[in-house]
Amino acid sequence: MALGDSLTAGYGLPPADAFPVQLEKALKARGVVARIVNAGVSGDTTAGGRARLEWALADKPDLVIVELGGNDALRGIDPQVTHDNLDAILTRLNERGITTLLAGMRAPPNYGADYVAAFDAIFPKLAAKHGVALFPFFLDGVAAKPELNQNDGIHPNRAGVALIVERIVPAILPLVTR
């Protein structure tokens, strides 16, 4: 399951181009038979993801990719609030014995160096605390590249999602093969 925001949901893309669909195809191409549930909600914050976690877990996933935090950063939400919400999500996933990959996000520079430092530190800190795999930056190689993003400059286009999938698959394969 991919629990996330618009980057997971596939905002502005045909359903076949969304991250979970492209990821499922990439895994199948590598011999991993998996069904990726799209639990992405456009506009969602970590608070929203936390609030709907139990509902999302009704599908009983074996592995969850947590891709939340981008909207928190865009809205300037206190990094401690983001930390606490992600901490609660990871705690619940651990309690349920669900393998987890935490996909990191980075804050935009417009909130200043202190905000960026506090926000960016959340993901590695929580991955270490909970003993979960970390993909350091979900938009690695895609952020701020017009050719890989839709006209809004925030949401990846089909090619951008394909690059995200290409880069995240090596982090997922060891989790699905254990």
N, C-alpha and C. Protein backbone atom coordinates (compact mmCIF):
# COMPACT_ATOMS: atom_id res chain seq x y z
N MET A 1 0.84 -1.17 0.00
CA MET A 1 0.00 0.00 0.00
C MET A 1 0.89 1.23 0.00
N ALA A 2 0.49 2.23 -0.75
CA ALA A 2 1.16 3.53 -0.74
C ALA A 2 0.22 4.51 -0.05
N LEU A 3 0.60 4.94 1.15
CA LEU A 3 -0.16 5.89 1.95
C LEU A 3 0.46 7.25 1.74
N GLY A 4 -0.26 8.12 1.05
CA GLY A 4 0.36 9.40 0.75
C GLY A 4 -0.62 10.49 0.38
N ASP A 5 -0.05 11.47 -0.29
CA ASP A 5 -0.80 12.65 -0.71
C ASP A 5 -0.97 12.64 -2.23
N SER A 6 -1.03 13.79 -2.85
CA SER A 6 -1.26 13.87 -4.29
C SER A 6 -0.14 13.21 -5.10
N LEU A 7 1.07 13.17 -4.56
CA LEU A 7 2.18 12.53 -5.26
C LEU A 7 1.94 11.04 -5.41
N THR A 8 1.25 10.46 -4.45
CA THR A 8 0.86 9.05 -4.51
C THR A 8 -0.43 8.89 -5.30
N ALA A 9 -1.39 9.75 -5.03
CA ALA A 9 -2.72 9.64 -5.64
C ALA A 9 -2.67 9.76 -7.16
N GLY A 10 -1.69 10.51 -7.67
CA GLY A 10 -1.59 10.69 -9.11
C GLY A 10 -2.28 11.95 -9.60
N TYR A 11 -2.26 12.98 -8.79
CA TYR A 11 -2.90 14.25 -9.14
C TYR A 11 -2.51 14.68 -10.56
N GLY A 12 -3.52 15.02 -11.35
CA GLY A 12 -3.31 15.53 -12.70
C GLY A 12 -2.90 14.49 -13.73
N LEU A 13 -2.87 13.23 -13.35
CA LEU A 13 -2.45 12.17 -14.26
C LEU A 13 -3.60 11.21 -14.54
N PRO A 14 -3.57 10.54 -15.68
CA PRO A 14 -4.51 9.43 -15.88
C PRO A 14 -4.20 8.36 -14.83
N PRO A 15 -5.19 7.63 -14.35
CA PRO A 15 -4.96 6.63 -13.31
C PRO A 15 -3.81 5.66 -13.63
N ALA A 16 -3.63 5.30 -14.88
CA ALA A 16 -2.58 4.35 -15.26
C ALA A 16 -1.17 4.91 -15.07
N ASP A 17 -1.04 6.24 -14.92
CA ASP A 17 0.27 6.86 -14.77
C ASP A 17 0.61 7.18 -13.31
N ALA A 18 -0.30 6.90 -12.39
CA ALA A 18 -0.06 7.21 -10.98
C ALA A 18 1.06 6.34 -10.41
N PHE A 19 1.70 6.83 -9.37
CA PHE A 19 2.81 6.13 -8.74
C PHE A 19 2.50 4.67 -8.39
N PRO A 20 1.38 4.36 -7.71
CA PRO A 20 1.15 2.96 -7.35
C PRO A 20 1.03 2.03 -8.56
N VAL A 21 0.44 2.51 -9.63
CA VAL A 21 0.26 1.68 -10.83
C VAL A 21 1.61 1.45 -11.50
N GLN A 22 2.39 2.53 -11.65
CA GLN A 22 3.71 2.38 -12.27
C GLN A 22 4.63 1.50 -11.40
N LEU A 23 4.51 1.65 -10.08
CA LEU A 23 5.33 0.83 -9.18
C LEU A 23 4.95 -0.64 -9.30
N GLU A 24 3.68 -0.94 -9.32
CA GLU A 24 3.23 -2.33 -9.45
C GLU A 24 3.77 -2.95 -10.74
N LYS A 25 3.71 -2.21 -11.83
CA LYS A 25 4.23 -2.70 -13.11
C LYS A 25 5.75 -2.93 -13.05
N ALA A 26 6.46 -1.99 -12.42
CA ALA A 26 7.92 -2.13 -12.31
C ALA A 26 8.29 -3.34 -11.46
N LEU A 27 7.55 -3.58 -10.39
CA LEU A 27 7.83 -4.75 -9.57
C LEU A 27 7.54 -6.04 -10.32
N LYS A 28 6.43 -6.07 -11.03
CA LYS A 28 6.08 -7.26 -11.83
C LYS A 28 7.14 -7.54 -12.89
N ALA A 29 7.69 -6.48 -13.47
CA ALA A 29 8.74 -6.64 -14.49
C ALA A 29 10.00 -7.26 -13.87
N ARG A 30 10.13 -7.15 -12.55
CA ARG A 30 11.28 -7.74 -11.85
C ARG A 30 10.92 -9.04 -11.16
N GLY A 31 9.77 -9.59 -11.52
CA GLY A 31 9.35 -10.88 -11.00
C GLY A 31 8.65 -10.85 -9.65
N VAL A 32 8.30 -9.68 -9.16
CA VAL A 32 7.60 -9.55 -7.88
C VAL A 32 6.11 -9.36 -8.17
N VAL A 33 5.33 -10.34 -7.78
CA VAL A 33 3.89 -10.24 -7.96
C VAL A 33 3.34 -9.48 -6.76
N ALA A 34 2.87 -8.27 -7.01
CA ALA A 34 2.37 -7.43 -5.92
C ALA A 34 1.18 -6.62 -6.42
N ARG A 35 0.29 -6.33 -5.51
CA ARG A 35 -0.82 -5.42 -5.79
C ARG A 35 -0.59 -4.21 -4.90
N ILE A 36 -0.44 -3.06 -5.52
CA ILE A 36 -0.19 -1.83 -4.77
C ILE A 36 -1.51 -1.07 -4.64
N VAL A 37 -1.96 -0.94 -3.40
CA VAL A 37 -3.18 -0.19 -3.12
C VAL A 37 -2.83 1.29 -3.09
N ASN A 38 -3.58 2.07 -3.84
CA ASN A 38 -3.37 3.52 -3.87
C ASN A 38 -4.16 4.15 -2.72
N ALA A 39 -3.46 4.45 -1.63
CA ALA A 39 -4.08 5.13 -0.49
C ALA A 39 -3.57 6.56 -0.43
N GLY A 40 -3.52 7.18 -1.60
CA GLY A 40 -3.12 8.58 -1.69
C GLY A 40 -4.34 9.47 -1.76
N VAL A 41 -4.27 10.59 -1.06
CA VAL A 41 -5.35 11.57 -1.08
C VAL A 41 -4.73 12.93 -1.36
N SER A 42 -5.11 13.53 -2.46
CA SER A 42 -4.56 14.84 -2.82
C SER A 42 -4.86 15.86 -1.74
N GLY A 43 -3.84 16.64 -1.41
CA GLY A 43 -3.97 17.68 -0.40
C GLY A 43 -3.75 17.20 1.02
N ASP A 44 -3.55 15.90 1.19
CA ASP A 44 -3.43 15.34 2.54
C ASP A 44 -2.15 15.80 3.23
N THR A 45 -2.29 16.02 4.52
CA THR A 45 -1.16 16.32 5.39
C THR A 45 -0.86 15.07 6.21
N THR A 46 0.16 15.14 7.04
CA THR A 46 0.44 14.01 7.92
C THR A 46 -0.72 13.80 8.90
N ALA A 47 -1.38 14.87 9.28
CA ALA A 47 -2.55 14.74 10.18
C ALA A 47 -3.66 13.98 9.48
N GLY A 48 -3.89 14.26 8.22
CA GLY A 48 -4.91 13.55 7.46
C GLY A 48 -4.55 12.08 7.30
N GLY A 49 -3.30 11.80 6.99
CA GLY A 49 -2.85 10.42 6.87
C GLY A 49 -2.99 9.66 8.17
N ARG A 50 -2.68 10.34 9.24
CA ARG A 50 -2.81 9.71 10.57
C ARG A 50 -4.28 9.42 10.87
N ALA A 51 -5.15 10.36 10.52
CA ALA A 51 -6.57 10.20 10.81
C ALA A 51 -7.21 9.06 10.03
N ARG A 52 -6.71 8.78 8.85
CA ARG A 52 -7.32 7.73 8.02
C ARG A 52 -6.52 6.44 7.99
N LEU A 53 -5.51 6.34 8.82
CA LEU A 53 -4.65 5.17 8.81
C LEU A 53 -5.41 3.87 9.04
N GLU A 54 -6.23 3.80 10.07
CA GLU A 54 -6.94 2.56 10.37
C GLU A 54 -7.84 2.15 9.21
N TRP A 55 -8.50 3.12 8.60
CA TRP A 55 -9.34 2.83 7.44
C TRP A 55 -8.49 2.25 6.32
N ALA A 56 -7.33 2.85 6.07
CA ALA A 56 -6.46 2.38 5.00
C ALA A 56 -5.93 0.98 5.28
N LEU A 57 -5.70 0.66 6.53
CA LEU A 57 -5.16 -0.65 6.88
C LEU A 57 -6.19 -1.77 6.77
N ALA A 58 -7.43 -1.44 6.48
CA ALA A 58 -8.46 -2.47 6.30
C ALA A 58 -8.10 -3.42 5.16
N ASP A 59 -7.28 -2.94 4.22
CA ASP A 59 -6.84 -3.80 3.11
C ASP A 59 -5.77 -4.80 3.52
N LYS A 60 -5.32 -4.72 4.77
CA LYS A 60 -4.33 -5.64 5.35
C LYS A 60 -3.06 -5.74 4.50
N PRO A 61 -2.39 -4.61 4.30
CA PRO A 61 -1.17 -4.65 3.49
C PRO A 61 -0.03 -5.34 4.21
N ASP A 62 0.85 -5.94 3.42
CA ASP A 62 2.07 -6.56 3.95
C ASP A 62 3.17 -5.52 4.10
N LEU A 63 3.10 -4.49 3.28
CA LEU A 63 4.11 -3.44 3.26
C LEU A 63 3.41 -2.11 3.02
N VAL A 64 3.86 -1.07 3.70
CA VAL A 64 3.30 0.26 3.49
C VAL A 64 4.43 1.22 3.17
N ILE A 65 4.23 1.97 2.10
CA ILE A 65 5.11 3.08 1.76
C ILE A 65 4.42 4.32 2.31
N VAL A 66 5.07 5.01 3.24
CA VAL A 66 4.49 6.22 3.82
C VAL A 66 5.11 7.41 3.09
N GLU A 67 4.29 8.08 2.30
CA GLU A 67 4.73 9.24 1.52
C GLU A 67 3.84 10.42 1.92
N LEU A 68 4.18 11.03 3.02
CA LEU A 68 3.43 12.17 3.54
C LEU A 68 4.41 13.22 4.05
N GLY A 69 3.98 14.45 4.07
CA GLY A 69 4.79 15.52 4.61
C GLY A 69 4.96 16.70 3.68
N GLY A 70 4.82 16.47 2.39
CA GLY A 70 4.98 17.55 1.43
C GLY A 70 4.01 18.70 1.65
N ASN A 71 2.76 18.37 1.91
CA ASN A 71 1.77 19.43 2.14
C ASN A 71 1.99 20.13 3.48
N ASP A 72 2.51 19.40 4.45
CA ASP A 72 2.86 20.03 5.72
C ASP A 72 3.90 21.13 5.45
N ALA A 73 4.93 20.80 4.69
CA ALA A 73 5.99 21.76 4.39
C ALA A 73 5.46 22.93 3.57
N LEU A 74 4.63 22.64 2.57
CA LEU A 74 4.09 23.72 1.74
C LEU A 74 3.21 24.67 2.54
N ARG A 75 2.59 24.17 3.60
CA ARG A 75 1.71 25.00 4.44
C ARG A 75 2.44 25.59 5.63
N GLY A 76 3.70 25.26 5.79
CA GLY A 76 4.47 25.81 6.89
C GLY A 76 4.06 25.27 8.25
N ILE A 77 3.52 24.05 8.26
CA ILE A 77 3.11 23.43 9.52
C ILE A 77 4.35 23.20 10.39
N ASP A 78 4.21 23.42 11.66
CA ASP A 78 5.31 23.23 12.61
C ASP A 78 5.92 21.84 12.42
N PRO A 79 7.23 21.76 12.18
CA PRO A 79 7.86 20.45 11.98
C PRO A 79 7.61 19.47 13.13
N GLN A 80 7.43 19.97 14.34
CA GLN A 80 7.14 19.06 15.46
C GLN A 80 5.80 18.37 15.27
N VAL A 81 4.83 19.07 14.70
CA VAL A 81 3.52 18.48 14.42
C VAL A 81 3.67 17.39 13.36
N THR A 82 4.43 17.69 12.32
CA THR A 82 4.69 16.69 11.27
C THR A 82 5.39 15.48 11.87
N HIS A 83 6.40 15.71 12.67
CA HIS A 83 7.13 14.64 13.35
C HIS A 83 6.18 13.77 14.15
N ASP A 84 5.35 14.41 14.97
CA ASP A 84 4.46 13.66 15.86
C ASP A 84 3.45 12.82 15.08
N ASN A 85 2.93 13.36 13.99
CA ASN A 85 1.98 12.59 13.17
C ASN A 85 2.65 11.39 12.51
N LEU A 86 3.82 11.62 11.93
CA LEU A 86 4.53 10.50 11.30
C LEU A 86 4.97 9.47 12.34
N ASP A 87 5.37 9.94 13.50
CA ASP A 87 5.75 9.05 14.58
C ASP A 87 4.58 8.15 14.96
N ALA A 88 3.39 8.72 15.06
CA ALA A 88 2.19 7.94 15.40
C ALA A 88 1.86 6.93 14.30
N ILE A 89 2.00 7.33 13.05
CA ILE A 89 1.74 6.42 11.93
C ILE A 89 2.73 5.25 11.98
N LEU A 90 4.00 5.55 12.14
CA LEU A 90 5.01 4.49 12.16
C LEU A 90 4.85 3.59 13.38
N THR A 91 4.48 4.17 14.50
CA THR A 91 4.23 3.36 15.70
C THR A 91 3.11 2.37 15.43
N ARG A 92 2.03 2.82 14.84
CA ARG A 92 0.89 1.95 14.56
C ARG A 92 1.27 0.85 13.56
N LEU A 93 2.02 1.20 12.53
CA LEU A 93 2.44 0.19 11.56
C LEU A 93 3.33 -0.85 12.22
N ASN A 94 4.22 -0.41 13.10
CA ASN A 94 5.08 -1.35 13.83
C ASN A 94 4.25 -2.25 14.74
N GLU A 95 3.26 -1.68 15.43
CA GLU A 95 2.39 -2.48 16.30
C GLU A 95 1.67 -3.57 15.51
N ARG A 96 1.34 -3.27 14.28
CA ARG A 96 0.65 -4.24 13.42
C ARG A 96 1.62 -5.19 12.72
N GLY A 97 2.91 -4.98 12.89
CA GLY A 97 3.91 -5.84 12.28
C GLY A 97 4.02 -5.65 10.78
N ILE A 98 3.73 -4.45 10.31
CA ILE A 98 3.74 -4.17 8.87
C ILE A 98 5.09 -3.58 8.47
N THR A 99 5.74 -4.20 7.50
CA THR A 99 6.98 -3.68 6.95
C THR A 99 6.71 -2.31 6.35
N THR A 100 7.62 -1.38 6.58
CA THR A 100 7.37 0.00 6.17
C THR A 100 8.59 0.60 5.48
N LEU A 101 8.30 1.40 4.46
CA LEU A 101 9.30 2.24 3.82
C LEU A 101 8.83 3.68 4.01
N LEU A 102 9.63 4.49 4.66
CA LEU A 102 9.32 5.90 4.85
C LEU A 102 9.97 6.69 3.73
N ALA A 103 9.14 7.38 2.96
CA ALA A 103 9.63 8.21 1.86
C ALA A 103 9.79 9.64 2.38
N GLY A 104 11.01 10.11 2.38
CA GLY A 104 11.29 11.44 2.89
C GLY A 104 10.86 12.55 1.95
N MET A 105 10.75 13.71 2.53
CA MET A 105 10.39 14.92 1.79
C MET A 105 11.33 16.01 2.27
N ARG A 106 11.46 17.04 1.48
CA ARG A 106 12.28 18.19 1.86
C ARG A 106 11.44 19.45 1.84
N ALA A 107 11.73 20.33 2.76
CA ALA A 107 11.01 21.59 2.86
C ALA A 107 11.50 22.55 1.79
N PRO A 108 10.59 23.37 1.27
CA PRO A 108 11.03 24.42 0.34
C PRO A 108 11.82 25.48 1.12
N PRO A 109 12.76 26.15 0.47
CA PRO A 109 13.63 27.09 1.19
C PRO A 109 12.96 28.38 1.66
N ASN A 110 11.75 28.66 1.20
CA ASN A 110 11.13 29.95 1.51
C ASN A 110 10.74 30.14 2.97
N TYR A 111 10.77 29.09 3.80
CA TYR A 111 10.47 29.25 5.22
C TYR A 111 11.72 29.49 6.06
N GLY A 112 12.86 29.51 5.42
CA GLY A 112 14.10 29.81 6.12
C GLY A 112 14.87 28.57 6.52
N ALA A 113 16.14 28.80 6.83
CA ALA A 113 17.06 27.70 7.12
C ALA A 113 16.67 26.90 8.35
N ASP A 114 16.17 27.57 9.39
CA ASP A 114 15.80 26.85 10.61
C ASP A 114 14.65 25.88 10.35
N TYR A 115 13.64 26.34 9.60
CA TYR A 115 12.50 25.48 9.27
C TYR A 115 12.98 24.30 8.43
N VAL A 116 13.76 24.58 7.40
CA VAL A 116 14.26 23.53 6.51
C VAL A 116 15.05 22.49 7.30
N ALA A 117 15.93 22.93 8.16
CA ALA A 117 16.76 21.99 8.95
C ALA A 117 15.88 21.13 9.85
N ALA A 118 14.90 21.74 10.50
CA ALA A 118 14.02 20.99 11.40
C ALA A 118 13.15 20.01 10.63
N PHE A 119 12.60 20.45 9.51
CA PHE A 119 11.72 19.59 8.72
C PHE A 119 12.49 18.44 8.09
N ASP A 120 13.58 18.75 7.44
CA ASP A 120 14.34 17.72 6.71
C ASP A 120 14.90 16.64 7.63
N ALA A 121 15.11 16.97 8.89
CA ALA A 121 15.66 16.01 9.84
C ALA A 121 14.62 14.99 10.32
N ILE A 122 13.35 15.27 10.11
CA ILE A 122 12.28 14.41 10.61
C ILE A 122 12.41 12.98 10.09
N PHE A 123 12.60 12.83 8.81
CA PHE A 123 12.51 11.52 8.16
C PHE A 123 13.64 10.57 8.57
N PRO A 124 14.91 11.00 8.50
CA PRO A 124 15.96 10.07 8.95
C PRO A 124 15.86 9.76 10.45
N LYS A 125 15.46 10.75 11.23
CA LYS A 125 15.32 10.54 12.67
C LYS A 125 14.25 9.49 12.96
N LEU A 126 13.10 9.60 12.32
CA LEU A 126 12.01 8.64 12.57
C LEU A 126 12.32 7.27 11.99
N ALA A 127 12.97 7.22 10.85
CA ALA A 127 13.34 5.91 10.28
C ALA A 127 14.26 5.17 11.24
N ALA A 128 15.22 5.89 11.81
CA ALA A 128 16.14 5.26 12.76
C ALA A 128 15.40 4.84 14.03
N LYS A 129 14.54 5.70 14.53
CA LYS A 129 13.81 5.39 15.76
C LYS A 129 12.95 4.14 15.61
N HIS A 130 12.29 4.01 14.46
CA HIS A 130 11.35 2.91 14.26
C HIS A 130 11.96 1.72 13.54
N GLY A 131 13.21 1.84 13.12
CA GLY A 131 13.86 0.73 12.43
C GLY A 131 13.22 0.40 11.10
N VAL A 132 12.77 1.44 10.39
CA VAL A 132 12.15 1.22 9.08
C VAL A 132 13.08 1.71 7.98
N ALA A 133 12.88 1.20 6.80
CA ALA A 133 13.67 1.62 5.65
C ALA A 133 13.32 3.07 5.30
N LEU A 134 14.30 3.79 4.81
CA LEU A 134 14.12 5.19 4.43
C LEU A 134 14.53 5.38 2.98
N PHE A 135 13.64 5.98 2.22
CA PHE A 135 13.99 6.49 0.90
C PHE A 135 14.11 8.00 1.12
N PRO A 136 15.32 8.55 1.14
CA PRO A 136 15.55 9.89 1.67
C PRO A 136 14.69 11.02 1.09
N PHE A 137 14.45 11.02 -0.22
CA PHE A 137 13.70 12.12 -0.82
C PHE A 137 12.85 11.58 -1.96
N PHE A 138 11.55 11.54 -1.76
CA PHE A 138 10.64 10.95 -2.73
C PHE A 138 10.79 11.58 -4.12
N LEU A 139 11.03 12.87 -4.17
CA LEU A 139 11.11 13.57 -5.46
C LEU A 139 12.55 13.71 -5.97
N ASP A 140 13.45 12.85 -5.49
CA ASP A 140 14.84 12.90 -5.89
C ASP A 140 14.96 12.81 -7.41
N GLY A 141 15.65 13.78 -7.99
CA GLY A 141 15.85 13.80 -9.43
C GLY A 141 14.70 14.37 -10.22
N VAL A 142 13.59 14.65 -9.55
CA VAL A 142 12.38 15.14 -10.22
C VAL A 142 12.04 16.57 -9.80
N ALA A 143 12.24 16.90 -8.53
CA ALA A 143 11.90 18.24 -8.03
C ALA A 143 12.63 19.31 -8.82
N ALA A 144 11.90 20.36 -9.15
CA ALA A 144 12.44 21.55 -9.82
C ALA A 144 12.94 21.28 -11.24
N LYS A 145 12.52 20.18 -11.83
CA LYS A 145 12.88 19.89 -13.22
C LYS A 145 11.61 20.00 -14.07
N PRO A 146 11.45 21.10 -14.80
CA PRO A 146 10.21 21.33 -15.55
C PRO A 146 9.81 20.18 -16.48
N GLU A 147 10.79 19.53 -17.08
CA GLU A 147 10.47 18.45 -18.02
C GLU A 147 9.91 17.21 -17.33
N LEU A 148 10.04 17.13 -16.01
CA LEU A 148 9.54 15.97 -15.27
C LEU A 148 8.32 16.30 -14.40
N ASN A 149 7.83 17.53 -14.54
CA ASN A 149 6.70 17.97 -13.73
C ASN A 149 5.58 18.54 -14.58
N GLN A 150 4.41 18.53 -14.00
CA GLN A 150 3.26 19.16 -14.64
C GLN A 150 3.46 20.68 -14.60
N ASN A 151 2.56 21.40 -15.22
CA ASN A 151 2.70 22.85 -15.32
C ASN A 151 2.74 23.56 -13.97
N ASP A 152 2.23 22.93 -12.92
CA ASP A 152 2.26 23.57 -11.59
C ASP A 152 3.65 23.54 -10.97
N GLY A 153 4.56 22.78 -11.55
CA GLY A 153 5.92 22.71 -11.04
C GLY A 153 6.07 21.91 -9.75
N ILE A 154 5.00 21.29 -9.28
CA ILE A 154 5.01 20.54 -8.02
C ILE A 154 4.78 19.06 -8.24
N HIS A 155 3.82 18.76 -9.10
CA HIS A 155 3.40 17.36 -9.29
C HIS A 155 4.10 16.75 -10.50
N PRO A 156 4.69 15.58 -10.32
CA PRO A 156 5.38 14.93 -11.44
C PRO A 156 4.42 14.55 -12.56
N ASN A 157 4.96 14.61 -13.77
CA ASN A 157 4.22 14.09 -14.92
C ASN A 157 4.53 12.60 -15.04
N ARG A 158 4.06 11.97 -16.09
CA ARG A 158 4.27 10.52 -16.25
C ARG A 158 5.76 10.16 -16.20
N ALA A 159 6.57 10.93 -16.90
CA ALA A 159 8.02 10.67 -16.92
C ALA A 159 8.63 10.89 -15.54
N GLY A 160 8.15 11.88 -14.81
CA GLY A 160 8.65 12.13 -13.46
C GLY A 160 8.32 10.99 -12.52
N VAL A 161 7.09 10.49 -12.62
CA VAL A 161 6.70 9.35 -11.79
C VAL A 161 7.54 8.13 -12.16
N ALA A 162 7.79 7.93 -13.45
CA ALA A 162 8.61 6.80 -13.89
C ALA A 162 10.01 6.87 -13.27
N LEU A 163 10.58 8.08 -13.18
CA LEU A 163 11.90 8.23 -12.57
C LEU A 163 11.83 7.95 -11.06
N ILE A 164 10.78 8.43 -10.40
CA ILE A 164 10.61 8.13 -8.97
C ILE A 164 10.56 6.61 -8.77
N VAL A 165 9.77 5.94 -9.59
CA VAL A 165 9.65 4.48 -9.48
C VAL A 165 10.99 3.81 -9.72
N GLU A 166 11.70 4.23 -10.74
CA GLU A 166 13.01 3.65 -11.04
C GLU A 166 13.96 3.78 -9.85
N ARG A 167 13.89 4.91 -9.17
CA ARG A 167 14.80 5.16 -8.05
C ARG A 167 14.36 4.50 -6.75
N ILE A 168 13.05 4.29 -6.58
CA ILE A 168 12.56 3.74 -5.31
C ILE A 168 12.51 2.21 -5.32
N VAL A 169 12.41 1.61 -6.49
CA VAL A 169 12.33 0.14 -6.57
C VAL A 169 13.50 -0.54 -5.85
N PRO A 170 14.74 -0.09 -6.01
CA PRO A 170 15.82 -0.76 -5.27
C PRO A 170 15.65 -0.71 -3.74
N ALA A 171 14.95 0.28 -3.24
CA ALA A 171 14.69 0.35 -1.80
C ALA A 171 13.54 -0.58 -1.39
N ILE A 172 12.65 -0.86 -2.32
CA ILE A 172 11.50 -1.70 -2.03
C ILE A 172 11.81 -3.19 -2.19
N LEU A 173 12.62 -3.53 -3.18
CA LEU A 173 12.88 -4.96 -3.46
C LEU A 173 13.34 -5.76 -2.24
N PRO A 174 14.28 -5.26 -1.44
CA PRO A 174 14.68 -6.06 -0.28
C PRO A 174 13.55 -6.23 0.73
N LEU A 175 12.60 -5.31 0.75
CA LEU A 175 11.49 -5.38 1.70
C LEU A 175 10.45 -6.40 1.27
N VAL A 176 10.26 -6.56 -0.04
CA VAL A 176 9.24 -7.49 -0.51
C VAL A 176 9.78 -8.90 -0.70
N THR A 177 11.10 -9.04 -0.65
CA THR A 177 11.67 -10.37 -0.85
C THR A 177 12.07 -11.04 0.45
N ARG A 178 11.88 -10.34 1.59
CA ARG A 178 12.25 -10.99 2.86
C ARG A 178 11.08 -11.79 3.43
